[in-house]
Structure formats: structure tokens, C-alpha cells
Amino acid sequence: MTTGVYEIVNTLNGKRYVGQAQDVRSRWGNERGLLRRGHFHNAHLQRAWNKHGEEMFDFRIVLECEPHELTRLEQAMYDMNISAGIECYNVGPFLDCPVRGKPHTPEARAKMRSKFTSERRSMVSTAMRGNQYNLGRKHTPETRARNSEARRALWSTPEYRTRVSVAQLGRKHTPETRAKISAVQKGNKNCLGRKYRPETLAKMSAARKAWWASRKNGA
């Protein structure tokens, strides 16, 4: 069994698809079968296969490696091809997540919104009620630190804060929701007698002033 990174190369124009597998030979057999049936997951490669024919494509093992190195070396091979001006059939620049960093068109977003109907939202809500898969689950200190750092980095960007603010603008809770919030907050003594540091008070004051200023300017 060969573990490594492979390419499916269009011998007419040199364009290629970069992939990885723990059993490369088996993977090629599976993917060749999908291409022949017209069911390959990469539409760009499938269209080229249909247009030029199977005989115009060459399967190559470009390097062998340990399983834990597959993703890193696959990405490195893709990046090397792009740097050399070689086109690839891969969808996006991040092979572990092809859609990362790829903005959807307004048409695509409208299509996705149309599919997520009120009936579908109700079905998802019903399915998730009582979901206890993560009940009592505790993250490791390292995971909590990474999550915290990621959230801080996200909130530090003006674009994200503006997006959240716009999403919440004009939002009104239903009477039932307000009643639930009120019931939860009654008797809440978590902050009773808590004293903030002068630095924290100054930050809170500055943030509040900035918020009021933005409201006045918006008005």
C-alpha cells in the first residue's frame, strides 16, 4: 500500500488535480470509476474528462510520505504548482477546506436562503431539542485558550463588529422571550457587589460613549 500525494494530469494542457490518499492505488481506482460514470466530486475535472476523454489523462504519484504528513504535503504540492503557473482543477486555495475564503455570489446566497424555509428551520429546531451530545463535555485548557484567542481576534476586526451590529439592529424579542429572560435574571447575584478596576471602567465608559455617538450620527 502506497501512502502519498498524487496528481491527475490533463496531458493536453498540463492542468492537473492534486489529491492525497493513504492507499493511492485504491483511490485512483475509485476516482477513475467515478469519472467514468460522471459522478466525480470535482465538476471542473469531470467536465474536462468528459470533453477530452479518459485517454488524455495521466495518473501520477508525485511523492510518498507518512499519513500524518499528507495534508501538509498535498497543500505544498498545490502551492508549488500555482507558483509555477500551472493551473489546477482543485476548487480553492485551501485543499483541506475548498470553500474557505471563497465568497458566494448574490445568486448563490439567495438560493441557499430560499432552501432554508420556515418549515426546514422548524424541523432543525425540533431535531436539536434535547440534544445532549456535548452535555457535560469539558474542553482542555489548550482548546479553551485557542477558542478564546480566536474569538478575541474575530471581535477585534471592525468588519465583524459592524456585521453583528447590523444583524441585531431593530431586532425585537417576543413577549415570551422577554418573560423568559426576566425569569432567568431574577435573583441573579453573580455581579452583586462586584467592583471593576479603573482601567475596566474607563474602557466601558469609552465604549458606551462611542456607541451613543454612533447612534446620534446615525440619527
Protein backbone atom coordinates (compact mmCIF):
# COMPACT_ATOMS: atom_id res chain seq x y z
CA MET A 1 0.00 0.00 0.00
CA THR A 2 1.40 3.38 -1.07
CA THR A 3 0.60 6.48 1.00
CA GLY A 4 1.23 9.82 -0.62
CA VAL A 5 0.20 12.72 -2.86
CA TYR A 6 -0.96 12.18 -6.44
CA GLU A 7 -1.98 14.18 -9.49
CA ILE A 8 -4.48 13.54 -12.27
CA VAL A 9 -2.91 15.39 -15.20
CA ASN A 10 -4.53 16.57 -18.42
CA THR A 11 -1.79 15.75 -20.94
CA LEU A 12 -3.24 18.19 -23.49
CA ASN A 13 -2.76 21.36 -21.44
CA GLY A 14 -0.88 20.27 -18.30
CA LYS A 15 -3.73 21.25 -15.98
CA ARG A 16 -4.00 18.90 -13.02
CA TYR A 17 -5.90 17.82 -9.94
CA VAL A 18 -3.90 17.37 -6.72
CA GLY A 19 -5.04 14.81 -4.15
CA GLN A 20 -3.87 12.65 -1.27
CA ALA A 21 -4.61 9.14 -0.04
CA GLN A 22 -3.34 6.57 2.41
CA ASP A 23 -3.79 3.98 -0.36
CA VAL A 24 -3.09 5.84 -3.58
CA ARG A 25 -3.67 2.94 -5.97
CA SER A 26 -7.05 2.16 -4.44
CA ARG A 27 -8.01 5.83 -4.52
CA TRP A 28 -7.18 6.10 -8.22
CA GLY A 29 -9.35 3.06 -8.97
CA ASN A 30 -12.27 4.61 -7.10
CA GLU A 31 -11.87 8.06 -8.64
CA ARG A 32 -11.44 6.69 -12.15
CA GLY A 33 -14.69 4.78 -11.69
CA LEU A 34 -16.47 7.95 -10.56
CA LEU A 35 -15.10 9.90 -13.54
CA ARG A 36 -16.23 7.21 -15.96
CA ARG A 37 -19.75 7.31 -14.50
CA GLY A 38 -19.81 11.12 -14.43
CA HIS A 39 -20.09 11.30 -10.64
CA PHE A 40 -16.72 12.78 -9.64
CA HIS A 41 -17.00 15.38 -6.86
CA ASN A 42 -14.87 17.97 -8.70
CA ALA A 43 -17.03 19.39 -11.52
CA HIS A 44 -14.07 21.10 -13.26
CA LEU A 45 -12.17 17.86 -13.67
CA GLN A 46 -15.33 15.94 -14.58
CA ARG A 47 -16.16 18.35 -17.42
CA ALA A 48 -12.61 18.18 -18.76
CA TRP A 49 -12.70 14.35 -18.58
CA ASN A 50 -15.99 14.29 -20.49
CA LYS A 51 -14.68 16.71 -23.11
CA HIS A 52 -11.22 15.25 -23.82
CA GLY A 53 -11.72 11.60 -22.93
CA GLU A 54 -10.07 9.24 -20.46
CA GLU A 55 -7.03 8.60 -22.67
CA MET A 56 -5.94 12.23 -22.32
CA PHE A 57 -5.46 11.96 -18.54
CA ASP A 58 -2.48 10.57 -16.70
CA PHE A 59 -2.38 9.46 -13.05
CA ARG A 60 0.89 10.16 -11.25
CA ILE A 61 2.17 9.57 -7.74
CA VAL A 62 4.28 12.66 -7.09
CA LEU A 63 5.57 11.75 -3.62
CA GLU A 64 5.25 9.17 -0.87
CA CYS A 65 5.01 10.12 2.80
CA GLU A 66 3.71 9.19 6.25
CA PRO A 67 -0.07 9.53 6.82
CA HIS A 68 0.34 12.45 9.24
CA GLU A 69 2.15 14.45 6.54
CA LEU A 70 -0.48 14.05 3.82
CA THR A 71 -2.42 17.29 4.25
CA ARG A 72 0.69 19.46 4.59
CA LEU A 73 2.43 17.97 1.56
CA GLU A 74 -0.72 17.99 -0.56
CA GLN A 75 -1.11 21.70 0.12
CA ALA A 76 2.60 22.27 -0.57
CA MET A 77 2.33 20.49 -3.94
CA TYR A 78 -0.71 22.55 -4.91
CA ASP A 79 1.01 25.80 -3.87
CA MET A 80 4.12 24.84 -5.84
CA ASN A 81 2.05 24.24 -8.98
CA ILE A 82 0.28 27.58 -8.64
CA SER A 83 3.58 29.39 -8.04
CA ALA A 84 4.97 27.79 -11.20
CA GLY A 85 1.97 29.00 -13.22
CA ILE A 86 0.46 25.52 -13.55
CA GLU A 87 -3.34 25.54 -13.42
CA CYS A 88 -5.16 23.11 -11.14
CA TYR A 89 -8.68 21.72 -11.18
CA ASN A 90 -8.92 22.00 -7.37
CA VAL A 91 -11.73 24.32 -6.34
CA GLY A 92 -9.97 26.59 -3.84
CA PRO A 93 -6.56 27.53 -2.48
CA PHE A 94 -7.13 25.59 0.78
CA LEU A 95 -7.33 21.90 -0.07
CA ASP A 96 -8.47 20.83 3.41
CA CYS A 97 -11.47 23.17 3.04
CA PRO A 98 -12.01 24.22 -0.61
CA VAL A 99 -14.72 26.80 0.11
CA ARG A 100 -12.72 28.65 2.78
CA GLY A 101 -12.17 32.25 1.69
CA LYS A 102 -14.40 31.78 -1.36
CA PRO A 103 -17.26 34.34 -1.31
CA HIS A 104 -20.66 33.19 -2.52
CA THR A 105 -22.33 35.14 -5.32
CA PRO A 106 -25.56 37.01 -4.52
CA GLU A 107 -27.40 34.41 -6.61
CA ALA A 108 -25.90 31.54 -4.59
CA ARG A 109 -26.77 33.22 -1.29
CA ALA A 110 -30.35 33.82 -2.45
CA LYS A 111 -30.62 30.17 -3.49
CA MET A 112 -29.39 28.98 -0.08
CA ARG A 113 -31.82 31.30 1.72
CA SER A 114 -34.72 30.04 -0.38
CA LYS A 115 -33.96 26.44 0.61
CA PHE A 116 -33.88 27.23 4.34
CA THR A 117 -37.63 27.70 4.67
CA SER A 118 -39.56 28.18 7.90
CA GLU A 119 -40.59 24.51 7.74
CA ARG A 120 -36.95 23.45 7.47
CA ARG A 121 -35.95 25.69 10.38
CA SER A 122 -38.74 24.17 12.44
CA MET A 123 -37.54 20.66 11.59
CA VAL A 124 -33.95 21.51 12.59
CA SER A 125 -35.13 23.12 15.83
CA THR A 126 -37.22 20.08 16.72
CA ALA A 127 -34.36 17.70 15.93
CA MET A 128 -31.93 19.64 18.11
CA ARG A 129 -34.17 19.82 21.18
CA GLY A 130 -32.84 17.71 23.97
CA ASN A 131 -29.52 17.26 22.16
CA GLN A 132 -27.18 16.12 24.91
CA TYR A 133 -24.19 15.03 22.83
CA ASN A 134 -22.00 17.71 24.43
CA LEU A 135 -23.71 17.80 27.81
CA GLY A 136 -21.04 17.87 30.50
CA ARG A 137 -18.24 17.93 27.95
CA LYS A 138 -15.19 19.82 29.16
CA HIS A 139 -12.62 21.27 26.79
CA THR A 140 -8.95 21.03 27.63
CA PRO A 141 -7.17 24.23 28.74
CA GLU A 142 -5.37 24.29 25.39
CA THR A 143 -8.65 24.14 23.46
CA ARG A 144 -10.21 26.85 25.61
CA ALA A 145 -7.17 29.04 25.07
CA ARG A 146 -7.36 28.55 21.28
CA ASN A 147 -11.09 29.28 21.22
CA SER A 148 -10.61 32.37 23.35
CA GLU A 149 -7.82 33.68 21.13
CA ALA A 150 -9.87 33.04 18.00
CA ARG A 151 -12.86 34.90 19.41
CA ARG A 152 -10.72 37.85 20.51
CA ALA A 153 -9.16 38.07 17.06
CA LEU A 154 -12.61 37.96 15.45
CA TRP A 155 -14.08 40.68 17.65
CA SER A 156 -11.02 42.89 17.12
CA THR A 157 -11.96 43.39 13.46
CA PRO A 158 -14.29 46.37 12.76
CA GLU A 159 -15.91 44.43 9.91
CA TYR A 160 -17.11 41.64 12.22
CA ARG A 161 -18.38 44.04 14.89
CA THR A 162 -20.27 46.04 12.25
CA ARG A 163 -21.79 42.86 10.81
CA VAL A 164 -23.02 41.75 14.24
CA SER A 165 -24.38 45.22 15.00
CA VAL A 166 -26.27 45.42 11.71
CA ALA A 167 -27.70 41.93 12.21
CA GLN A 168 -29.07 42.92 15.64
CA LEU A 169 -30.34 46.34 14.58
CA GLY A 170 -34.08 46.63 15.02
CA ARG A 171 -34.39 43.14 16.42
CA LYS A 172 -37.19 42.80 18.94
CA HIS A 173 -37.74 39.93 21.34
CA THR A 174 -41.19 38.42 21.57
CA PRO A 175 -43.12 38.86 24.84
CA GLU A 176 -42.48 35.18 25.59
CA THR A 177 -38.73 35.61 25.13
CA ARG A 178 -38.67 38.74 27.30
CA ALA A 179 -40.55 36.87 30.01
CA LYS A 180 -38.02 34.02 29.88
CA ILE A 181 -35.07 36.43 30.10
CA SER A 182 -36.67 38.23 33.01
CA ALA A 183 -37.29 34.97 34.86
CA VAL A 184 -33.70 33.87 34.40
CA GLN A 185 -32.28 37.20 35.53
CA LYS A 186 -34.36 37.46 38.70
CA GLY A 187 -32.25 36.83 41.73
CA ASN A 188 -29.08 36.84 39.66
CA LYS A 189 -26.39 37.86 42.14
CA ASN A 190 -23.36 36.96 40.08
CA CYS A 191 -22.25 40.60 39.86
CA LEU A 192 -23.70 41.80 43.15
CA GLY A 193 -21.06 43.88 44.92
CA ARG A 194 -18.55 43.36 42.14
CA LYS A 195 -16.08 46.18 41.73
CA TYR A 196 -14.39 46.88 38.42
CA ARG A 197 -10.84 48.10 38.05
CA PRO A 198 -10.37 51.73 36.95
CA GLU A 199 -9.00 50.53 33.61
CA THR A 200 -12.08 48.40 33.02
CA LEU A 201 -14.41 51.24 33.99
CA ALA A 202 -12.59 53.56 31.58
CA LYS A 203 -12.94 51.03 28.74
CA MET A 204 -16.63 50.53 29.47
CA SER A 205 -17.21 54.27 29.56
CA ALA A 206 -15.35 54.84 26.28
CA ALA A 207 -17.25 52.02 24.57
CA ARG A 208 -20.58 53.39 25.79
CA LYS A 209 -19.74 56.92 24.62
CA ALA A 210 -18.70 55.61 21.22
CA TRP A 211 -21.96 53.65 20.94
CA TRP A 212 -24.06 56.71 21.79
CA ALA A 213 -22.05 58.81 19.36
CA SER A 214 -22.69 56.31 16.58
CA ARG A 215 -26.41 56.33 17.38
CA LYS A 216 -26.53 60.13 17.22
CA ASN A 217 -24.61 60.20 13.96
CA GLY A 218 -26.90 57.55 12.53
CA ALA A 219 -29.93 59.57 13.54
